Amino acid sequence: MTLKSRKRWALFVLVVGLPAWIVLVVTVENALIRAWGPPPFLSELVIYVGAAFLWAMPFKALFTGIGAAGPDSEKRP
């Protein structure tokens, strides 16, 4: 995958994928709250931090090197 296409996919994942993931996690959390009542604060924190890691791990390779200058860019003095 070229750097340009990786940058486009990374932008797509951040603009579309991340909000969709957040909506999914909050919806599941609310369904669990309705079913069993509100969990303790620490378990809720573990759920959200775990969801953040689960979201980030598949895209780690996609985001690696995105901020680096491309091979076609000019070097600044």
Protein backbone atom coordinates (compact mmCIF):
# COMPACT_ATOMS: atom_id res chain seq x y z
CA MET A 1 0.00 0.00 0.00
CA THR A 2 1.43 3.37 -0.92
CA LEU A 3 1.89 6.12 1.62
CA LYS A 4 -0.79 8.22 -0.07
CA SER A 5 -3.38 5.44 0.10
CA ARG A 6 -2.42 4.66 3.71
CA LYS A 7 -2.98 8.32 4.61
CA ARG A 8 -6.39 8.25 2.95
CA TRP A 9 -7.40 5.04 4.71
CA ALA A 10 -6.14 6.39 8.02
CA LEU A 11 -8.25 9.52 7.58
CA PHE A 12 -11.28 7.39 6.70
CA VAL A 13 -10.77 5.19 9.76
CA LEU A 14 -10.48 8.24 12.02
CA VAL A 15 -13.43 10.15 10.53
CA VAL A 16 -15.85 7.24 10.01
CA GLY A 17 -14.55 4.22 11.91
CA LEU A 18 -13.78 5.80 15.27
CA PRO A 19 -17.18 7.50 15.72
CA ALA A 20 -18.94 4.30 14.63
CA TRP A 21 -16.89 2.30 17.17
CA ILE A 22 -17.70 4.79 19.93
CA VAL A 23 -21.42 4.59 19.16
CA LEU A 24 -21.25 0.78 19.19
CA VAL A 25 -19.41 0.61 22.52
CA VAL A 26 -21.71 3.12 24.22
CA THR A 27 -24.78 1.29 22.88
CA VAL A 28 -23.53 -2.03 24.22
CA GLU A 29 -22.65 -0.42 27.56
CA ASN A 30 -26.13 1.10 27.83
CA ALA A 31 -27.73 -2.26 27.02
CA LEU A 32 -25.68 -3.85 29.80
CA ILE A 33 -26.72 -1.10 32.21
CA ARG A 34 -30.39 -1.65 31.34
CA ALA A 35 -30.04 -5.41 31.82
CA TRP A 36 -28.01 -5.56 35.06
CA GLY A 37 -27.91 -2.04 36.45
CA PRO A 38 -24.99 0.36 36.56
CA PRO A 39 -21.58 -1.24 37.10
CA PRO A 40 -18.99 0.16 39.51
CA PHE A 41 -16.86 2.99 38.18
CA LEU A 42 -13.68 0.94 37.87
CA SER A 43 -15.30 -1.83 35.84
CA GLU A 44 -16.83 0.75 33.53
CA LEU A 45 -13.40 2.34 33.13
CA VAL A 46 -11.90 -1.06 32.29
CA ILE A 47 -14.57 -1.62 29.65
CA TYR A 48 -13.88 1.70 27.92
CA VAL A 49 -10.09 1.40 28.09
CA GLY A 50 -10.32 -2.17 26.78
CA ALA A 51 -12.54 -1.01 23.93
CA ALA A 52 -9.98 1.66 23.05
CA PHE A 53 -7.21 -0.94 22.83
CA LEU A 54 -9.43 -3.29 20.82
CA TRP A 55 -10.10 -0.47 18.35
CA ALA A 56 -6.47 0.59 18.01
CA MET A 57 -4.71 -2.76 17.62
CA PRO A 58 -6.01 -3.76 14.15
CA PHE A 59 -5.05 -0.35 12.74
CA LYS A 60 -1.58 -0.13 14.25
CA ALA A 61 0.13 -1.02 10.96
CA LEU A 62 -2.05 1.44 9.06
CA PHE A 63 -1.10 4.39 11.27
CA THR A 64 2.62 3.56 11.50
CA GLY A 65 4.64 6.15 9.59
CA ILE A 66 1.68 8.29 8.50
CA GLY A 67 3.24 11.48 9.88
CA ALA A 68 6.55 10.87 8.14
CA ALA A 69 7.46 12.72 4.99
CA GLY A 70 6.81 10.75 1.83
CA PRO A 71 9.58 9.65 -0.54
CA ASP A 72 8.51 12.25 -3.11
CA SER A 73 8.57 15.21 -0.75
CA GLU A 74 11.31 17.79 -0.96
CA LYS A 75 13.75 18.11 1.91
CA ARG A 76 13.64 21.48 3.63
CA PRO A 77 16.92 23.18 4.53
